[in-house]
Protein backbone atom coordinates (compact mmCIF):
# COMPACT_ATOMS: atom_id res chain seq x y z
CA MET A 1 12.57 55.77 -6.79
CA LYS A 2 12.90 53.12 -4.11
CA THR A 3 15.39 53.88 -1.36
CA PRO A 4 16.80 51.68 1.38
CA LEU A 5 13.88 50.88 3.69
CA THR A 6 13.65 49.83 7.30
CA GLU A 7 10.12 48.59 6.65
CA ILE A 8 9.65 46.41 3.59
CA ARG A 9 6.41 46.99 1.70
CA ASN A 10 6.68 44.62 -1.27
CA ILE A 11 8.28 41.16 -1.46
CA CYS A 12 8.84 38.97 -4.50
CA CYS A 13 9.73 35.31 -4.05
CA ILE A 14 11.08 33.49 -7.10
CA GLY A 15 10.09 29.84 -6.71
CA ALA A 16 6.73 28.45 -5.58
CA GLY A 17 7.99 25.12 -4.29
CA TYR A 18 8.27 23.43 -0.91
CA VAL A 19 10.22 26.34 0.61
CA GLY A 20 9.00 29.43 -1.22
CA GLY A 21 5.27 28.69 -1.07
CA PRO A 22 4.86 27.93 2.66
CA THR A 23 7.43 30.54 3.77
CA MET A 24 5.79 33.34 1.85
CA ALA A 25 2.33 32.24 2.97
CA VAL A 26 3.35 32.56 6.63
CA ILE A 27 5.06 35.93 6.04
CA ALA A 28 1.94 37.24 4.29
CA ASP A 29 -0.27 35.88 7.06
CA ARG A 30 1.78 37.48 9.84
CA CYS A 31 2.57 40.71 7.96
CA PRO A 32 -0.71 41.87 6.37
CA LYS A 33 0.77 45.27 5.42
CA ILE A 34 3.39 43.64 3.15
CA GLN A 35 2.39 42.59 -0.35
CA VAL A 36 3.89 39.19 -1.11
CA ASN A 37 4.16 37.97 -4.71
CA VAL A 38 5.23 34.38 -5.29
CA VAL A 39 6.27 33.82 -8.90
CA ASP A 40 7.16 30.71 -10.85
CA LEU A 41 7.43 29.82 -14.54
CA ASN A 42 5.60 26.54 -13.90
CA GLU A 43 2.06 27.48 -14.94
CA SER A 44 0.42 24.34 -13.58
CA ARG A 45 2.03 24.87 -10.18
CA ILE A 46 0.82 28.46 -10.01
CA ALA A 47 -2.66 27.35 -11.11
CA ALA A 48 -2.68 24.85 -8.24
CA TRP A 49 -1.71 27.55 -5.74
CA ASN A 50 -4.62 29.66 -7.03
CA ASP A 51 -7.15 26.79 -7.10
CA SER A 52 -10.34 27.57 -5.21
CA ASP A 53 -10.25 24.01 -3.88
CA LEU A 54 -7.54 24.22 -1.23
CA SER A 55 -7.13 20.45 -1.23
CA ASN A 56 -5.49 20.87 -4.64
CA LEU A 57 -2.54 22.96 -3.41
CA PRO A 58 0.67 21.61 -4.98
CA ILE A 59 2.19 21.00 -1.56
CA TYR A 60 0.66 19.09 1.31
CA GLU A 61 1.57 20.50 4.69
CA PRO A 62 -0.74 20.37 7.71
CA GLY A 63 -2.18 23.86 8.30
CA LEU A 64 -0.96 25.36 5.01
CA ASP A 65 -4.42 25.44 3.43
CA LYS A 66 -5.85 27.58 6.24
CA ILE A 67 -3.03 30.11 5.97
CA VAL A 68 -3.37 30.36 2.20
CA GLN A 69 -7.12 30.82 2.58
CA ARG A 70 -6.60 33.76 4.96
CA ALA A 71 -3.91 35.57 2.98
CA ARG A 72 -4.45 34.74 -0.69
CA GLY A 73 -6.02 37.62 -2.55
CA ARG A 74 -5.47 39.96 0.41
CA ASN A 75 -1.71 40.39 0.34
CA LEU A 76 -0.53 37.01 -0.99
CA TYR A 77 -0.47 36.45 -4.74
CA PHE A 78 0.78 33.63 -6.95
CA SER A 79 1.57 34.33 -10.60
CA THR A 80 3.88 33.72 -13.55
CA GLU A 81 4.52 37.47 -13.89
CA VAL A 82 8.15 37.30 -12.85
CA GLU A 83 9.61 40.50 -14.28
CA PRO A 84 7.02 43.04 -13.05
CA SER A 85 7.01 41.38 -9.62
CA ILE A 86 10.78 41.82 -9.38
CA ALA A 87 10.56 45.43 -10.56
CA ASN A 88 8.05 46.32 -7.85
CA ALA A 89 9.83 44.50 -5.03
CA ASP A 90 11.85 46.02 -2.21
CA MET A 91 13.09 42.53 -1.34
CA VAL A 92 13.51 39.50 -3.61
CA PHE A 93 13.80 35.98 -2.20
CA ILE A 94 15.54 33.38 -4.39
CA SER A 95 13.91 30.07 -3.55
CA VAL A 96 14.57 27.80 -6.51
CA ASN A 97 15.76 24.22 -6.76
CA THR A 98 19.49 23.49 -6.38
CA PRO A 99 19.79 19.81 -7.31
CA THR A 100 23.01 17.83 -7.32
CA LYS A 101 24.87 18.07 -10.63
CA THR A 102 24.46 15.02 -12.84
CA ARG A 103 27.35 15.78 -15.19
CA GLY A 104 30.44 17.91 -15.54
CA LEU A 105 32.75 19.19 -12.79
CA GLY A 106 31.57 17.98 -9.40
CA SER A 107 29.00 15.59 -10.90
CA GLY A 108 27.19 13.60 -8.23
CA GLN A 109 28.24 15.92 -5.41
CA ALA A 110 28.29 19.64 -6.23
CA SER A 111 25.08 21.69 -6.42
CA ASP A 112 23.72 22.69 -9.82
CA LEU A 113 23.42 26.46 -9.49
CA ARG A 114 22.10 27.23 -12.97
CA TRP A 115 18.67 28.27 -11.65
CA VAL A 116 20.19 30.47 -8.95
CA GLU A 117 22.37 32.20 -11.53
CA ALA A 118 19.40 32.62 -13.87
CA CYS A 119 17.43 34.24 -11.03
CA ALA A 120 20.30 36.59 -10.22
CA ARG A 121 20.52 37.68 -13.84
CA GLN A 122 16.77 38.24 -14.00
CA VAL A 123 16.87 40.33 -10.83
CA ALA A 124 19.80 42.31 -12.27
CA LYS A 125 17.77 42.95 -15.41
CA CYS A 126 14.42 43.87 -13.85
CA ALA A 127 14.99 45.33 -10.39
CA GLN A 128 14.41 49.04 -9.82
CA GLY A 129 16.06 51.31 -7.27
CA HIS A 130 17.46 49.64 -4.16
CA THR A 131 16.73 45.90 -3.83
CA ILE A 132 17.61 43.47 -1.07
CA VAL A 133 18.22 40.00 -2.53
CA VAL A 134 17.81 37.10 -0.10
CA GLU A 135 19.22 33.60 -0.65
CA LYS A 136 16.54 31.20 0.55
CA SER A 137 17.63 28.16 -1.45
CA THR A 138 20.16 25.84 0.16
CA LEU A 139 23.47 26.90 -1.36
CA PRO A 140 27.15 26.00 -1.06
CA VAL A 141 29.43 28.35 0.83
CA ARG A 142 30.36 31.54 -1.04
CA THR A 143 27.53 31.31 -3.58
CA ALA A 144 26.63 34.84 -2.49
CA GLU A 145 29.81 35.99 -4.23
CA THR A 146 28.40 34.80 -7.55
CA ILE A 147 25.09 36.55 -6.96
CA GLN A 148 26.84 39.73 -5.83
CA ALA A 149 29.11 39.76 -8.89
CA ILE A 150 26.12 39.50 -11.24
CA LEU A 151 24.14 42.16 -9.41
CA GLN A 152 27.04 44.58 -9.00
CA ALA A 153 27.66 44.47 -12.73
CA SER A 154 24.17 45.97 -13.15
CA GLN A 155 24.41 48.67 -10.50
CA GLY A 156 24.43 52.31 -11.50
CA PRO A 157 22.02 54.66 -13.27
CA GLN A 158 18.97 53.24 -15.00
CA SER A 159 17.70 54.46 -18.35
CA ASN A 160 15.60 57.03 -16.51
CA GLY A 161 18.64 58.29 -14.63
CA GLU A 162 17.64 56.81 -11.27
CA PRO A 163 20.32 54.77 -9.48
CA ARG A 164 20.09 51.04 -8.81
CA SER A 165 21.77 49.19 -5.97
CA PHE A 166 21.70 45.70 -4.46
CA VAL A 167 22.48 43.98 -1.18
CA VAL A 168 22.70 40.20 -0.80
CA LEU A 169 21.64 38.37 2.38
CA SER A 170 21.59 34.70 3.32
CA ASN A 171 18.46 33.49 5.12
CA PRO A 172 18.49 29.67 4.99
CA GLU A 173 15.37 27.70 5.83
CA PHE A 174 15.35 25.12 8.59
CA LEU A 175 12.04 23.45 7.82
CA ALA A 176 11.10 19.83 8.34
CA GLU A 177 8.53 18.68 5.83
CA GLY A 178 5.37 17.60 7.58
CA THR A 179 5.87 20.25 10.28
CA ALA A 180 6.88 23.17 8.04
CA ILE A 181 4.09 25.50 9.19
CA LYS A 182 4.90 24.87 12.84
CA ASP A 183 8.59 25.39 12.09
CA LEU A 184 7.81 28.71 10.39
CA GLU A 185 5.44 29.98 13.04
CA THR A 186 7.52 28.93 16.06
CA PRO A 187 11.09 28.51 14.75
CA ASP A 188 14.04 27.40 16.87
CA ARG A 189 15.95 30.25 15.24
CA VAL A 190 15.96 32.53 12.22
CA LEU A 191 19.40 32.96 10.68
CA ILE A 192 20.31 36.07 8.70
CA GLY A 193 23.78 36.38 7.20
CA GLY A 194 25.12 39.49 5.57
CA GLU A 195 27.53 42.40 5.60
CA ASP A 196 25.04 45.28 5.40
CA SER A 197 23.51 45.95 8.82
CA HIS A 198 20.70 48.06 7.39
CA ALA A 199 19.57 45.25 5.08
CA ILE A 200 19.89 42.69 7.87
CA GLU A 201 17.63 44.73 10.14
CA SER A 202 15.14 45.25 7.32
CA LEU A 203 14.74 41.49 7.03
CA ALA A 204 14.83 41.01 10.80
CA SER A 205 11.97 43.49 11.17
CA ILE A 206 9.75 41.19 9.09
CA TYR A 207 10.41 38.15 11.27
CA ASN A 208 10.09 40.28 14.41
CA LYS A 209 6.37 40.54 13.71
CA TRP A 210 6.02 37.07 15.25
CA VAL A 211 9.48 35.72 16.15
CA PRO A 212 11.11 36.79 19.45
CA SER A 213 14.21 38.94 18.94
CA GLU A 214 16.48 36.53 20.79
CA LYS A 215 15.72 33.85 18.20
CA ILE A 216 16.89 35.96 15.28
CA LEU A 217 20.60 35.24 14.80
CA ARG A 218 22.89 37.46 12.75
CA THR A 219 26.11 36.17 11.15
CA ASN A 220 28.32 36.90 8.19
CA LEU A 221 27.26 35.54 4.78
CA TRP A 222 29.60 32.59 4.78
CA SER A 223 28.69 31.36 8.26
CA SER A 224 25.01 31.49 7.32
CA GLU A 225 25.50 29.46 4.15
CA LEU A 226 27.66 26.85 5.89
CA SER A 227 25.29 26.60 8.87
CA LYS A 228 22.51 25.26 6.66
CA LEU A 229 24.68 22.53 5.13
CA THR A 230 26.09 21.62 8.53
CA ALA A 231 22.68 21.43 10.24
CA ASN A 232 21.39 18.95 7.67
CA ALA A 233 24.63 16.97 7.75
CA PHE A 234 24.46 16.58 11.55
CA LEU A 235 20.80 15.49 11.45
CA ALA A 236 21.48 12.96 8.69
CA GLN A 237 24.51 11.71 10.59
CA ARG A 238 22.32 10.84 13.58
CA ILE A 239 19.98 8.84 11.36
CA SER A 240 22.83 6.85 9.82
CA SER A 241 24.33 6.33 13.27
CA ILE A 242 21.17 4.90 14.82
CA ASN A 243 20.55 2.73 11.74
CA SER A 244 24.03 1.24 12.08
CA VAL A 245 23.20 0.42 15.70
CA ALA A 246 19.83 -1.05 14.62
CA ALA A 247 21.59 -3.59 12.39
CA LEU A 248 23.77 -4.59 15.34
CA CYS A 249 20.70 -4.87 17.59
CA GLU A 250 19.04 -7.30 15.21
CA LEU A 251 22.04 -9.66 15.43
CA THR A 252 22.61 -9.43 19.18
CA GLY A 253 19.07 -9.58 20.56
CA ALA A 254 19.01 -5.93 21.61
CA ASP A 255 16.14 -3.55 20.82
CA VAL A 256 17.12 -0.30 19.12
CA LYS A 257 14.15 1.50 20.70
CA GLU A 258 15.46 0.67 24.16
CA VAL A 259 19.00 1.64 23.18
CA ALA A 260 17.79 4.94 21.69
CA LYS A 261 15.82 5.76 24.84
CA ALA A 262 18.82 5.01 27.02
CA ILE A 263 21.29 7.15 25.09
CA GLY A 264 18.71 9.85 24.33
CA SER A 265 18.21 10.38 28.06
CA ASP A 266 21.72 11.81 28.17
CA THR A 267 21.23 15.57 27.87
CA ARG A 268 24.48 15.82 25.92
CA ILE A 269 22.95 13.62 23.21
CA GLY A 270 19.20 14.26 23.33
CA SER A 271 16.36 12.10 22.05
CA LYS A 272 15.59 13.64 18.66
CA PHE A 273 16.48 11.93 15.37
CA LEU A 274 17.13 8.61 17.09
CA ASN A 275 14.31 6.69 15.41
CA SER A 276 15.71 3.88 13.33
CA GLY A 277 14.15 3.37 9.91
CA PRO A 278 14.80 2.88 6.21
CA GLY A 279 17.16 5.85 6.05
CA PHE A 280 16.84 9.56 5.43
CA GLY A 281 15.23 11.11 2.38
CA GLY A 282 13.88 14.45 1.27
CA SER A 283 15.27 17.20 -0.89
CA CYS A 284 18.11 18.36 1.36
CA PHE A 285 19.91 15.78 3.46
CA GLN A 286 21.73 13.78 0.80
CA LYS A 287 22.19 16.79 -1.48
CA ASP A 288 23.67 18.92 1.28
CA ILE A 289 26.00 16.22 2.57
CA LEU A 290 27.30 15.54 -0.94
CA ASN A 291 27.81 19.27 -1.33
CA LEU A 292 29.81 19.25 1.90
CA VAL A 293 31.85 16.31 0.53
CA TYR A 294 32.58 18.23 -2.66
CA LEU A 295 33.58 21.40 -0.81
CA SER A 296 35.85 19.44 1.53
CA ARG A 297 37.67 17.84 -1.39
CA TYR A 298 37.84 21.17 -3.22
CA PHE A 299 39.50 22.82 -0.24
CA GLY A 300 41.96 19.94 0.24
CA LEU A 301 40.31 18.11 3.16
CA PRO A 302 39.97 14.50 1.91
CA GLU A 303 39.58 13.00 5.38
CA VAL A 304 36.68 15.33 6.12
CA ALA A 305 35.14 14.47 2.74
CA ASP A 306 35.45 10.72 3.42
CA TYR A 307 33.82 11.11 6.84
CA TRP A 308 30.69 12.76 5.46
CA GLN A 309 30.59 10.49 2.40
CA ASN A 310 30.24 7.52 4.73
CA VAL A 311 27.04 9.01 6.17
CA VAL A 312 25.48 8.77 2.70
CA THR A 313 27.02 5.36 2.01
CA LEU A 314 25.51 3.88 5.16
CA ASN A 315 22.12 5.37 4.30
CA THR A 316 22.13 3.63 0.92
CA TRP A 317 23.34 0.41 2.55
CA GLN A 318 20.39 0.45 4.95
CA GLN A 319 17.88 0.61 2.10
CA ASP A 320 19.58 -2.14 0.14
CA ARG A 321 19.80 -4.21 3.35
CA ILE A 322 16.04 -3.99 3.86
CA ALA A 323 15.35 -5.16 0.30
CA ARG A 324 17.75 -8.09 0.78
CA LEU A 325 16.02 -9.05 4.03
CA VAL A 326 12.65 -9.16 2.27
CA VAL A 327 14.01 -11.45 -0.43
CA LYS A 328 15.78 -13.69 2.07
CA ASN A 329 12.71 -14.17 4.26
CA LEU A 330 10.42 -14.88 1.31
CA PHE A 331 12.29 -18.12 0.58
CA GLY A 332 15.09 -16.41 -1.33
CA THR A 333 12.98 -15.01 -4.16
CA VAL A 334 10.25 -12.41 -4.75
CA THR A 335 9.92 -13.07 -8.49
CA GLY A 336 6.23 -13.02 -9.36
CA LYS A 337 5.25 -12.41 -5.73
CA ARG A 338 2.85 -9.65 -4.77
CA LEU A 339 4.19 -7.25 -2.14
CA ALA A 340 2.16 -4.43 -0.56
CA LEU A 341 4.11 -1.20 0.01
CA PHE A 342 2.53 1.05 2.63
CA GLY A 343 3.82 4.58 2.07
CA PHE A 344 5.94 6.14 -0.65
CA ALA A 345 6.57 9.70 0.62
CA PHE A 346 9.94 10.11 2.32
CA LYS A 347 8.18 10.86 5.62
CA ALA A 348 4.67 11.25 6.98
CA ASN A 349 2.55 14.38 6.48
CA THR A 350 4.06 15.33 3.14
CA ASN A 351 3.59 14.34 -0.48
CA ASP A 352 7.28 14.86 -1.23
CA THR A 353 9.08 11.78 -2.58
CA ARG A 354 12.48 13.30 -3.33
CA GLU A 355 15.17 10.79 -2.29
CA ALA A 356 12.48 8.76 -0.50
CA PRO A 357 13.81 5.44 0.88
CA ALA A 358 10.80 3.76 -0.74
CA ILE A 359 12.23 4.51 -4.19
CA ARG A 360 15.45 2.53 -3.77
CA ILE A 361 13.76 -0.29 -1.88
CA ALA A 362 11.03 -0.56 -4.52
CA LYS A 363 13.58 -0.51 -7.35
CA ASP A 364 15.61 -3.27 -5.69
CA LEU A 365 12.48 -5.41 -5.39
CA LEU A 366 11.36 -4.64 -8.94
CA ASP A 367 14.79 -5.78 -10.15
CA GLU A 368 14.09 -9.06 -8.36
CA GLY A 369 10.83 -9.43 -10.29
CA ALA A 370 8.39 -8.40 -7.53
CA GLN A 371 4.81 -7.26 -8.21
CA LEU A 372 4.29 -4.14 -6.07
CA ALA A 373 0.91 -2.87 -4.89
CA ILE A 374 1.66 0.65 -3.61
CA TYR A 375 -0.54 2.71 -1.30
CA ASP A 376 0.23 6.22 -0.06
CA PRO A 377 -2.50 8.61 1.13
CA LYS A 378 -0.94 11.71 -0.48
CA VAL A 379 1.45 10.70 -3.29
CA GLU A 380 -0.03 10.62 -6.79
CA SER A 381 0.54 7.63 -9.06
CA LEU A 382 2.15 9.85 -11.72
CA GLN A 383 4.80 10.83 -9.18
CA ILE A 384 5.46 7.19 -8.28
CA ALA A 385 5.82 6.30 -11.97
CA SER A 386 8.28 9.16 -12.42
CA ASP A 387 10.35 8.13 -9.40
CA LEU A 388 10.46 4.46 -10.37
CA LYS A 389 10.96 5.29 -14.06
CA LEU A 390 8.38 2.60 -14.76
CA PRO A 391 4.76 3.04 -15.86
CA GLN A 392 2.03 1.51 -13.74
CA ILE A 393 0.07 -1.50 -14.93
CA THR A 394 -3.55 -2.47 -14.48
CA PRO A 395 -3.83 -4.48 -11.26
CA PRO A 396 -3.76 -8.16 -12.19
CA SER A 397 -6.78 -10.22 -11.24
CA LEU A 398 -6.21 -12.67 -8.41
CA LYS A 399 -8.70 -15.07 -10.01
CA ALA A 400 -7.13 -15.07 -13.46
CA GLY A 401 -4.00 -16.96 -12.48
CA PRO A 402 -0.39 -15.80 -12.97
CA SER A 403 -0.02 -12.73 -15.18
CA LYS A 404 2.37 -12.48 -18.11
CA ALA A 405 4.67 -10.28 -16.02
CA GLU A 406 4.67 -12.79 -13.18
CA LEU A 407 5.55 -15.65 -15.50
CA SER A 408 8.31 -13.66 -17.22
CA GLY A 409 9.90 -12.50 -13.97
CA GLU A 410 9.37 -8.86 -14.90
CA GLY A 411 8.90 -6.47 -11.98
CA THR A 412 5.72 -4.37 -12.12
CA TRP A 413 3.72 -2.05 -9.90
CA TRP A 414 0.29 -0.46 -9.58
CA PRO A 415 -1.27 2.12 -7.23
CA CYS A 416 -3.94 1.26 -4.68
CA SER A 417 -6.58 3.48 -3.08
CA LYS A 418 -6.69 1.70 0.28
CA VAL A 419 -4.65 -0.73 2.35
CA GLU A 420 -7.11 -3.61 1.90
CA GLU A 421 -6.72 -3.38 -1.85
CA ALA A 422 -2.92 -3.41 -1.53
CA VAL A 423 -2.69 -6.49 0.71
CA SER A 424 -5.11 -8.69 -1.25
CA GLY A 425 -3.14 -11.75 -2.31
CA ALA A 426 0.12 -10.29 -1.01
CA ASP A 427 2.95 -12.37 0.41
CA ALA A 428 4.21 -9.45 2.47
CA VAL A 429 3.54 -5.90 3.63
CA LEU A 430 6.37 -3.36 3.78
CA ILE A 431 5.72 -0.28 5.93
CA LEU A 432 7.96 2.38 4.42
CA THR A 433 6.40 5.66 5.63
CA GLU A 434 5.27 6.34 9.20
CA TRP A 435 1.76 7.59 8.33
CA SER A 436 -0.37 7.56 11.50
CA GLN A 437 -3.03 5.37 9.90
CA PHE A 438 -0.52 2.51 9.67
CA ARG A 439 -0.16 2.42 13.46
CA GLY A 440 -3.70 1.21 14.13
CA LEU A 441 -4.34 -1.31 11.37
CA ASN A 442 -6.56 -4.32 12.00
CA TRP A 443 -4.09 -7.09 11.30
CA ASP A 444 -6.64 -9.85 11.94
CA GLU A 445 -8.69 -8.59 9.00
CA LEU A 446 -5.70 -7.85 6.76
CA ALA A 447 -4.16 -11.26 7.40
CA GLN A 448 -7.26 -12.91 5.93
CA LEU A 449 -6.60 -11.18 2.61
CA MET A 450 -2.96 -12.28 2.32
CA ARG A 451 -1.32 -15.43 0.95
CA LYS A 452 0.19 -17.56 3.69
CA PRO A 453 2.79 -17.73 5.03
CA ALA A 454 2.80 -13.92 5.00
CA TRP A 455 5.18 -11.33 6.42
CA VAL A 456 5.09 -7.79 7.73
CA PHE A 457 8.33 -5.84 7.32
CA ASP A 458 8.05 -2.82 9.58
CA THR A 459 10.89 -0.51 8.57
CA ARG A 460 9.56 2.27 10.81
CA GLY A 461 9.04 0.29 14.01
CA ILE A 462 5.47 1.57 14.42
CA VAL A 463 3.21 -1.51 14.49
CA ASN A 464 2.26 -3.60 17.51
CA LYS A 465 4.28 -6.79 17.15
CA GLU A 466 1.92 -8.86 19.29
CA GLU A 467 -1.09 -7.87 17.17
CA VAL A 468 0.73 -8.89 14.01
CA THR A 469 1.88 -12.25 15.31
CA SER A 470 -1.48 -13.06 16.89
CA ALA A 471 -3.02 -12.58 13.43
CA GLY A 472 -0.82 -15.42 12.18
CA LEU A 473 1.71 -13.22 10.38
CA LYS A 474 5.48 -13.26 10.64
CA ILE A 475 7.16 -9.95 11.42
CA TRP A 476 10.52 -8.27 10.99
CA ARG A 477 10.90 -4.93 12.74
CA VAL A 478 13.87 -2.67 12.23
CA GLY A 479 16.36 -2.85 15.08
CA ASP A 480 14.45 -5.51 17.01
CA GLY A 481 16.73 -8.42 17.81
CA ALA A 482 13.84 -10.40 19.31
CA THR A 483 11.98 -10.77 15.97
């Protein structure tokens, strides 16, 4: 029979996604004496985690492949064997998706917790002895009560007479995609919320293998859950704030980069998250803010709800504004025109497209009848098709004259394997993701492939304006009132 342990020997993580996979890989790497089992019902995802070719891992994060190579097969395992992994675990992490509800009570704002509840019920069914259950998914405040209620209903003697017991902890992740491994290996803080000090210290002892003690914060369950939502809301708020200033800069002749540097030099404000762009994306920011909006309304705080709702509203406005600017500058229409989109992931160094600004901008342009040539170094074409809800077409020949889609005004898209392929015959380039390779492009060469007059719309503010203009191209750069 398992008893409450100070040292955890066996961990099960339910969910092999962007949080569960990298987090468990780092824990296994830093804690070789702990067996870590990452389980998921998605067979293709598990197969990708077990692929001998590490370039085929389902998640792209710099440095992740090396960690998986060191730990996989030693004390890190990926499988679809959910029930036996739970039964053998001293600690179970719940790291499943919590998307925004699309229907029913709280639709469009509240989190859909069906997968979290399903996990709790599976743990209640399969766990043996004493089990510490850790919330790793981003969850609304007081979700732990639901998990506790399900688990407590299953406490008591097992069929073999041995007792079962559960403790629930909150351990939210604070990872930025693209730097997730760095964030895990040298975190700003590790937050553990709970009411059972023994369980809290059991989890803390794992992180203490590589995280300094002063960076491990202990709170109650509810503070931990709310801290995650609030952290993302504050970061997203800064992005919307600087983007609102960028729009003002463009109309007044100011430069948002200079403004950001000036205000970021104030130690009370700081310089991070003051880069203007096409708006925030990713799996958490919008979802967590909308969750905060829902909770505020639920608890009778409409003014608070309206405040946070406006952060999301301005983010959407920024993306629509960029699409309108493209149309306006291309003589008021993009119907039948070829536009090259550089980047589709929501940020550099990840293949994640969830809530990517490129999706809304691309859809707006497709609605206008644009022909989009899309290049991203890490995002697969199947993912782009899924996000745009539109199948790709075969790239139309530049020599064959206008295609049927161009003549009909129907918006279409196709993937490209390199930037030169994307810009051939294009009226404009839109830089939507800040991949490093887009910073050093040879605009003299690219300009020769484009149809004149041609534009560069730099939504990330990363290209050299003088190099673009000297190549004979027009440029719009976010927040630059001099363009």
